[in-house]
Amino acid sequence: MKVLVVGGTFDSMEGSPSTILTQLISGMRKHHPGDFIVVNGGKIADLEPMVQTAHLYDHIVWMPNVSNNERKYVQDIKHYNPHCLLVTSKRNIGDKYTLAQVIAHALQLKSNLLLEISSYTPAAAPARPASYVGRVLDPLANCYKGWTDDFDDLGLVIAIRLMELSKFIRMGSPHEKELAASPPNVDNRFFEIVRKHADAFHQLIPEIQTTRFLGNASFRCRHGFPSFKEQGRIFVSPRNVDKRYLIKPNFVVVAQGTNNVLYYGKNKPSVDTPIQLILYRIYQEVRYMTHGHVYVKGAPRTNHTISCGALNEAAEILRTQPNPTEANFAVNLRGHGFIALAKDLDFLDSLEFEPRPSPENVWKY
């Protein structure tokens, strides 16, 4: 496992190293078994070639201090290596940015983890210069380590979470060229409920500032379309669309492939599709699912924080509801949101939601 760590100041001269980065690396090495390539300060011209080699690394920690007049290059990392685990940073001195803006920054960069850096002046000696503090967040506003000036410890937490993320199982979604089938005759009330749920999510999370709309919905036809049942096909909401305006023709046909998820038509399905395909196979009576990044009041909660799209989440849901004949239930996914599975639309319509804490403290280290 190869790790690229880039930090410190980069300018037209030789730059300068960062003490914070040195401490982070010290902490990361205590848990991370990878082969570290570290670049701590240097010339601005060195950044682009490093980004272009992103495909060589499994984990990338990208925290260079660069003038606002210079290109940052961080937005190119996932272009060169979409499968790497990326850790970025955000300087938030003086609380210039809200938490929502910090999280939106992480989402925009497709970061898996974010180190937010701020400063404080010791209360006992206000004349002393401000010290730096940091905390570790993810794009779902989970906090894995609260504010501390111990950057060695923050590095350890980053390493622990990276290793956890490395163990999550994901499944690709290749495109099928055959024509997509039209959605079957499904009670239009389902789509009304999906739109109502989405509207509730936006009221509960009004500070979201991102074009990456979160959450999804799916359904399957159990009557009149036996071939769809036999092939394990379902209809899923497309990726990154506002669910407040979803209508039946928007839904994407998907099917379980050998080691992937096949989708039909021009739109990619939700990133959570592989999990929902598994759940439809387990809970045979379920016809509908909805998922959002809030919690359902009174629903049981899973034990582990699992990132969007990781198949491990299906096992967490099964442990919470082990009865495969259950047809109407909701589960709160720790540090993520909820998923509701239903046979009856009355159950879906009866759900009451509450916001997740922001940030949600999920650390255990």
Protein backbone atom coordinates (compact mmCIF):
# COMPACT_ATOMS: atom_id res chain seq x y z
CA MET A 1 0.00 0.00 0.00
CA LYS A 2 1.55 3.28 -1.13
CA VAL A 3 0.82 6.63 0.48
CA LEU A 4 1.59 10.08 -0.94
CA VAL A 5 1.72 12.90 1.61
CA VAL A 6 2.13 16.45 0.35
CA GLY A 7 2.17 19.52 2.59
CA GLY A 8 4.13 22.56 3.63
CA THR A 9 4.48 25.76 1.63
CA PHE A 10 4.94 25.67 -2.13
CA ASP A 11 6.03 28.83 -3.96
CA SER A 12 8.31 30.00 -6.77
CA MET A 13 11.40 29.49 -4.62
CA GLU A 14 12.05 26.40 -2.45
CA GLY A 15 9.02 26.69 -0.17
CA SER A 16 9.20 25.66 3.47
CA PRO A 17 8.24 22.59 5.50
CA SER A 18 5.24 22.36 7.83
CA THR A 19 5.61 21.31 11.46
CA ILE A 20 1.95 20.28 11.47
CA LEU A 21 2.54 17.89 8.56
CA THR A 22 5.57 16.39 10.31
CA GLN A 23 3.42 15.71 13.37
CA LEU A 24 0.59 14.25 11.28
CA ILE A 25 2.97 11.83 9.55
CA SER A 26 4.39 10.77 12.92
CA GLY A 27 0.89 9.89 14.08
CA MET A 28 -0.08 8.16 10.84
CA ARG A 29 2.98 5.90 10.91
CA LYS A 30 1.86 4.50 14.27
CA HIS A 31 -1.04 2.70 12.61
CA HIS A 32 -0.71 2.88 8.84
CA PRO A 33 1.45 0.07 7.37
CA GLY A 34 1.93 1.77 4.02
CA ASP A 35 5.04 2.88 2.18
CA PHE A 36 5.10 6.67 2.66
CA ILE A 37 6.30 9.15 0.04
CA VAL A 38 6.48 12.53 1.77
CA VAL A 39 6.98 15.94 0.15
CA ASN A 40 6.99 18.70 2.76
CA GLY A 41 7.37 22.04 0.97
CA GLY A 42 8.89 22.86 -2.39
CA LYS A 43 8.43 24.63 -5.70
CA ILE A 44 4.95 25.32 -7.02
CA ALA A 45 5.97 23.74 -10.33
CA ASP A 46 6.42 20.39 -8.56
CA LEU A 47 2.73 20.02 -7.69
CA GLU A 48 1.31 19.24 -11.14
CA PRO A 49 3.69 16.32 -11.84
CA MET A 50 2.85 14.87 -8.43
CA VAL A 51 -0.88 15.01 -9.16
CA GLN A 52 -0.31 13.31 -12.50
CA THR A 53 1.25 10.36 -10.65
CA ALA A 54 -1.79 10.00 -8.36
CA HIS A 55 -2.62 6.65 -9.96
CA LEU A 56 0.46 5.15 -8.28
CA TYR A 57 -0.92 5.61 -4.75
CA ASP A 58 -3.64 4.00 -2.68
CA HIS A 59 -3.94 6.85 -0.18
CA ILE A 60 -3.17 10.51 -0.80
CA VAL A 61 -2.88 13.18 1.88
CA TRP A 62 -2.90 16.52 0.04
CA MET A 63 -2.36 19.61 2.21
CA PRO A 64 0.05 22.03 0.45
CA ASN A 65 -0.08 25.68 1.42
CA VAL A 66 -0.37 27.55 -1.89
CA SER A 67 -1.05 31.19 -2.68
CA ASN A 68 -4.63 31.92 -3.75
CA ASN A 69 -3.14 33.27 -6.99
CA GLU A 70 -1.82 29.81 -7.87
CA ARG A 71 -3.69 26.78 -9.12
CA LYS A 72 -4.41 24.28 -6.32
CA TYR A 73 -4.38 21.05 -8.43
CA VAL A 74 -6.24 19.15 -5.70
CA GLN A 75 -9.38 19.04 -7.85
CA ASP A 76 -7.47 16.90 -10.37
CA ILE A 77 -6.49 14.10 -8.00
CA LYS A 78 -9.67 12.04 -8.33
CA HIS A 79 -9.50 12.54 -12.10
CA TYR A 80 -6.17 10.72 -12.23
CA ASN A 81 -7.10 8.20 -9.53
CA PRO A 82 -10.85 7.98 -8.82
CA HIS A 83 -10.33 5.00 -6.51
CA CYS A 84 -7.74 6.47 -4.15
CA LEU A 85 -8.65 7.47 -0.60
CA LEU A 86 -8.08 11.22 -0.41
CA VAL A 87 -7.43 13.32 2.69
CA THR A 88 -7.48 17.11 2.26
CA SER A 89 -7.37 20.08 4.60
CA LYS A 90 -9.26 23.34 5.05
CA ARG A 91 -7.82 26.33 6.90
CA ASN A 92 -10.64 27.98 8.82
CA ILE A 93 -8.86 30.63 10.85
CA GLY A 94 -11.28 32.81 12.79
CA ASP A 95 -14.27 30.66 11.79
CA LYS A 96 -14.33 32.30 8.39
CA TYR A 97 -16.36 29.38 7.02
CA THR A 98 -19.42 27.64 8.44
CA LEU A 99 -19.37 23.88 8.96
CA ALA A 100 -21.70 23.54 5.96
CA GLN A 101 -19.18 25.37 3.78
CA VAL A 102 -16.32 23.20 5.06
CA ILE A 103 -18.30 20.03 4.27
CA ALA A 104 -19.30 21.38 0.86
CA HIS A 105 -15.58 21.91 0.17
CA ALA A 106 -14.88 18.26 1.02
CA LEU A 107 -17.73 17.09 -1.22
CA GLN A 108 -16.53 19.22 -4.10
CA LEU A 109 -13.05 17.69 -3.92
CA LYS A 110 -14.46 14.16 -3.38
CA SER A 111 -12.39 13.93 -0.21
CA ASN A 112 -12.80 10.87 1.97
CA LEU A 113 -11.52 12.72 5.04
CA LEU A 114 -10.87 16.37 5.83
CA LEU A 115 -8.58 18.00 8.39
CA GLU A 116 -10.11 21.33 9.41
CA ILE A 117 -7.48 23.68 10.87
CA SER A 118 -8.28 26.67 13.07
CA SER A 119 -6.50 28.66 15.76
CA TYR A 120 -7.02 29.78 19.32
CA THR A 121 -5.34 32.04 21.84
CA PRO A 122 -4.71 30.36 25.20
CA ALA A 123 -7.14 31.90 27.69
CA ALA A 124 -4.54 31.92 30.47
CA ALA A 125 -2.06 33.90 28.38
CA PRO A 126 -3.97 35.96 25.78
CA ALA A 127 -0.83 37.89 24.89
CA ARG A 128 0.74 34.72 23.47
CA PRO A 129 0.41 34.08 19.75
CA ALA A 130 -2.45 31.87 18.61
CA SER A 131 -1.87 28.12 18.37
CA TYR A 132 -3.22 25.86 15.68
CA VAL A 133 -5.85 23.23 16.40
CA GLY A 134 -7.50 20.70 14.14
CA ARG A 135 -10.30 18.18 13.89
CA VAL A 136 -11.00 15.26 11.52
CA LEU A 137 -14.26 15.27 9.55
CA ASP A 138 -15.74 13.39 6.61
CA PRO A 139 -18.11 14.56 3.83
CA LEU A 140 -21.15 13.39 5.84
CA ALA A 141 -20.25 15.83 8.66
CA ASN A 142 -19.02 13.07 10.95
CA CYS A 143 -16.31 14.11 13.41
CA TYR A 144 -13.71 11.42 14.17
CA LYS A 145 -11.62 13.60 16.47
CA GLY A 146 -12.64 16.89 18.06
CA TRP A 147 -10.61 20.08 18.30
CA THR A 148 -7.09 19.44 19.61
CA ASP A 149 -3.61 20.85 19.18
CA ASP A 150 -2.18 17.29 19.23
CA PHE A 151 -1.58 16.80 15.51
CA ASP A 152 0.27 13.58 16.17
CA ASP A 153 -2.99 12.19 17.57
CA LEU A 154 -4.96 13.61 14.63
CA GLY A 155 -2.59 11.79 12.29
CA LEU A 156 -3.23 8.54 14.17
CA VAL A 157 -7.00 9.01 13.82
CA ILE A 158 -6.65 9.71 10.09
CA ALA A 159 -4.62 6.52 9.67
CA ILE A 160 -7.12 4.41 11.63
CA ARG A 161 -10.05 5.67 9.58
CA LEU A 162 -8.15 5.24 6.29
CA MET A 163 -7.50 1.61 7.16
CA GLU A 164 -11.18 1.14 8.00
CA LEU A 165 -12.21 2.70 4.70
CA SER A 166 -9.75 0.42 2.89
CA LYS A 167 -11.65 -2.61 4.16
CA PHE A 168 -15.03 -1.49 2.84
CA ILE A 169 -16.23 -3.43 -0.21
CA ARG A 170 -17.56 -1.59 -3.24
CA MET A 171 -19.03 -2.61 -6.55
CA GLY A 172 -18.71 -0.89 -9.95
CA SER A 173 -21.60 0.07 -12.21
CA PRO A 174 -20.88 -0.66 -15.89
CA HIS A 175 -23.28 0.57 -18.54
CA GLU A 176 -25.39 -1.89 -20.54
CA LYS A 177 -26.10 -0.99 -24.16
CA GLU A 178 -29.49 -2.62 -24.44
CA LEU A 179 -32.48 -0.32 -24.38
CA ALA A 180 -33.84 0.57 -20.98
CA ALA A 181 -37.28 -0.69 -20.12
CA SER A 182 -40.01 1.73 -19.17
CA PRO A 183 -40.93 1.75 -15.50
CA PRO A 184 -43.90 -0.52 -14.82
CA ASN A 185 -47.22 0.65 -13.46
CA VAL A 186 -46.40 1.59 -9.90
CA ASP A 187 -48.68 3.49 -7.57
CA ASN A 188 -47.97 7.17 -8.21
CA ARG A 189 -48.32 7.73 -4.49
CA PHE A 190 -44.79 6.31 -4.09
CA PHE A 191 -43.31 9.17 -6.12
CA GLU A 192 -45.38 11.67 -4.16
CA ILE A 193 -43.96 10.25 -0.92
CA VAL A 194 -40.39 10.39 -2.28
CA ARG A 195 -40.83 14.05 -3.17
CA LYS A 196 -42.37 14.76 0.23
CA HIS A 197 -39.47 13.03 1.99
CA ALA A 198 -36.94 15.00 -0.06
CA ASP A 199 -38.66 18.25 0.84
CA ALA A 200 -38.48 17.28 4.53
CA PHE A 201 -34.75 16.54 4.18
CA HIS A 202 -34.09 19.99 2.73
CA GLN A 203 -35.99 21.63 5.57
CA LEU A 204 -34.04 19.67 8.16
CA ILE A 205 -30.68 20.33 6.49
CA PRO A 206 -31.19 23.87 5.11
CA GLU A 207 -27.48 24.74 5.23
CA ILE A 208 -26.47 22.20 2.56
CA GLN A 209 -24.52 24.05 -0.13
CA THR A 210 -23.64 21.51 -2.77
CA THR A 211 -24.82 20.31 -6.15
CA ARG A 212 -24.31 16.71 -5.00
CA PHE A 213 -27.85 15.88 -3.93
CA LEU A 214 -27.79 13.14 -1.33
CA GLY A 215 -30.21 10.27 -0.72
CA ASN A 216 -32.13 8.03 -3.10
CA ALA A 217 -35.20 5.90 -3.68
CA SER A 218 -35.94 2.62 -5.46
CA PHE A 219 -38.76 0.22 -6.23
CA ARG A 220 -39.39 -3.10 -7.89
CA CYS A 221 -42.41 -4.61 -9.55
CA ARG A 222 -43.55 -7.89 -8.01
CA HIS A 223 -46.62 -8.37 -10.22
CA GLY A 224 -46.93 -8.39 -14.00
CA PHE A 225 -43.20 -8.23 -14.72
CA PRO A 226 -41.91 -11.71 -13.79
CA SER A 227 -38.84 -11.34 -15.99
CA PHE A 228 -37.73 -8.34 -13.92
CA LYS A 229 -38.11 -10.36 -10.75
CA GLU A 230 -36.16 -13.29 -12.16
CA GLN A 231 -33.32 -11.07 -13.36
CA GLY A 232 -33.20 -9.16 -10.10
CA ARG A 233 -33.90 -5.83 -11.77
CA ILE A 234 -35.07 -2.81 -9.83
CA PHE A 235 -35.65 0.88 -10.56
CA VAL A 236 -33.38 3.37 -8.77
CA SER A 237 -33.25 7.15 -8.66
CA PRO A 238 -30.38 8.60 -10.74
CA ARG A 239 -27.20 9.96 -9.19
CA ASN A 240 -26.89 13.61 -8.15
CA VAL A 241 -30.41 14.84 -8.87
CA ASP A 242 -32.77 16.80 -6.65
CA LYS A 243 -35.25 14.23 -5.31
CA ARG A 244 -37.87 16.93 -4.69
CA TYR A 245 -38.68 16.81 -8.41
CA LEU A 246 -38.39 13.09 -9.19
CA ILE A 247 -40.98 11.53 -11.47
CA LYS A 248 -41.35 7.94 -12.64
CA PRO A 249 -39.50 8.30 -15.99
CA ASN A 250 -36.39 9.55 -14.13
CA PHE A 251 -35.74 6.16 -12.54
CA VAL A 252 -32.89 3.99 -13.84
CA VAL A 253 -33.20 0.26 -14.54
CA VAL A 254 -30.46 -1.73 -12.79
CA ALA A 255 -29.61 -5.42 -12.42
CA GLN A 256 -27.12 -7.48 -10.49
CA GLY A 257 -24.13 -8.48 -12.63
CA THR A 258 -21.50 -11.10 -11.79
CA ASN A 259 -19.32 -8.77 -9.74
CA ASN A 260 -20.97 -5.45 -10.46
CA VAL A 261 -24.22 -3.58 -11.01
CA LEU A 262 -25.48 -3.18 -14.58
CA TYR A 263 -27.48 -0.10 -15.46
CA TYR A 264 -29.52 0.69 -18.54
CA GLY A 265 -30.04 4.06 -20.20
CA LYS A 266 -27.94 7.21 -20.10
CA ASN A 267 -28.12 8.05 -16.37
CA LYS A 268 -25.98 6.40 -13.70
CA PRO A 269 -27.89 5.06 -10.69
CA SER A 270 -27.41 6.09 -7.10
CA VAL A 271 -24.12 5.09 -5.47
CA ASP A 272 -26.12 3.07 -2.90
CA THR A 273 -27.65 0.82 -5.58
CA PRO A 274 -25.48 -2.27 -4.82
CA ILE A 275 -26.64 -2.23 -1.20
CA GLN A 276 -30.29 -1.96 -2.15
CA LEU A 277 -30.00 -4.83 -4.62
CA ILE A 278 -28.69 -7.01 -1.78
CA LEU A 279 -31.49 -5.89 0.53
CA TYR A 280 -34.18 -6.65 -2.06
CA ARG A 281 -32.80 -10.18 -2.31
CA ILE A 282 -32.82 -10.64 1.46
CA TYR A 283 -36.19 -9.07 2.23
CA GLN A 284 -38.41 -10.67 -0.40
CA GLU A 285 -41.61 -8.84 0.53
CA VAL A 286 -40.15 -5.35 0.25
CA ARG A 287 -41.23 -3.33 -2.78
CA TYR A 288 -39.96 0.17 -1.99
CA MET A 289 -36.92 1.81 -0.39
CA THR A 290 -36.06 5.38 0.49
CA HIS A 291 -32.81 6.72 1.92
CA GLY A 292 -31.81 10.13 3.19
CA HIS A 293 -29.16 11.80 5.31
CA VAL A 294 -31.38 12.45 8.31
CA TYR A 295 -32.63 10.06 11.02
CA VAL A 296 -36.05 8.45 11.46
CA LYS A 297 -37.54 9.12 14.88
CA GLY A 298 -37.55 6.00 17.04
CA ALA A 299 -35.76 3.73 14.54
CA PRO A 300 -32.99 1.38 15.69
CA ARG A 301 -29.42 2.40 14.88
CA THR A 302 -26.46 0.49 13.45
CA ASN A 303 -23.18 0.30 15.35
CA HIS A 304 -20.56 1.31 12.78
CA THR A 305 -20.00 4.35 10.57
CA ILE A 306 -19.84 3.11 6.98
CA SER A 307 -19.39 5.39 3.99
CA CYS A 308 -21.91 5.72 1.16
CA GLY A 309 -21.96 2.83 -1.28
CA ALA A 310 -19.97 0.34 0.83
CA LEU A 311 -21.54 -3.12 0.73
CA ASN A 312 -20.68 -3.62 4.40
CA GLU A 313 -23.71 -1.49 5.23
CA ALA A 314 -26.05 -4.28 4.09
CA ALA A 315 -24.63 -6.56 6.79
CA GLU A 316 -25.14 -3.82 9.40
CA ILE A 317 -28.80 -3.50 8.36
CA LEU A 318 -29.28 -7.28 8.48
CA ARG A 319 -27.85 -7.40 12.02
CA THR A 320 -30.31 -4.69 13.04
CA GLN A 321 -33.28 -6.45 11.39
CA PRO A 322 -32.43 -10.17 11.10
CA ASN A 323 -35.95 -11.29 10.12
CA PRO A 324 -36.00 -11.68 6.29
CA THR A 325 -39.81 -11.80 6.25
CA GLU A 326 -40.04 -8.29 7.70
CA ALA A 327 -41.60 -5.97 5.13
CA ASN A 328 -41.99 -2.54 6.75
CA PHE A 329 -39.13 -1.13 8.82
CA ALA A 330 -36.57 1.69 9.02
CA VAL A 331 -32.98 1.63 10.25
CA ASN A 332 -30.83 4.59 11.20
CA LEU A 333 -27.34 4.22 9.73
CA ARG A 334 -24.84 5.58 12.22
CA GLY A 335 -23.07 8.63 10.88
CA HIS A 336 -24.90 8.39 7.56
CA GLY A 337 -28.70 8.69 7.64
CA PHE A 338 -31.58 6.24 7.38
CA ILE A 339 -32.94 3.60 5.06
CA ALA A 340 -36.60 2.61 5.01
CA LEU A 341 -37.82 -0.65 3.44
CA ALA A 342 -41.52 -1.08 2.80
CA LYS A 343 -44.18 -3.26 1.29
CA ASP A 344 -46.91 -0.79 2.19
CA LEU A 345 -46.89 2.84 1.17
CA ASP A 346 -48.78 3.79 4.32
CA PHE A 347 -45.67 2.84 6.31
CA LEU A 348 -43.39 5.01 4.17
CA ASP A 349 -45.81 7.90 4.44
CA SER A 350 -45.92 7.65 8.24
CA LEU A 351 -42.18 8.16 8.82
CA GLU A 352 -41.12 11.14 10.92
CA PHE A 353 -37.62 12.58 10.54
CA GLU A 354 -35.15 14.44 12.69
CA PRO A 355 -31.81 16.05 11.74
CA ARG A 356 -28.49 14.35 12.37
CA PRO A 357 -26.19 16.23 14.76
CA SER A 358 -23.86 18.54 12.88
CA PRO A 359 -21.12 17.62 13.31
CA GLU A 360 -21.98 14.14 14.51
CA ASN A 361 -19.37 12.86 16.95
CA VAL A 362 -18.57 9.28 15.96
CA TRP A 363 -15.00 8.97 17.24
CA LYS A 364 -14.00 5.95 19.28
CA TYR A 365 -10.21 6.32 19.30
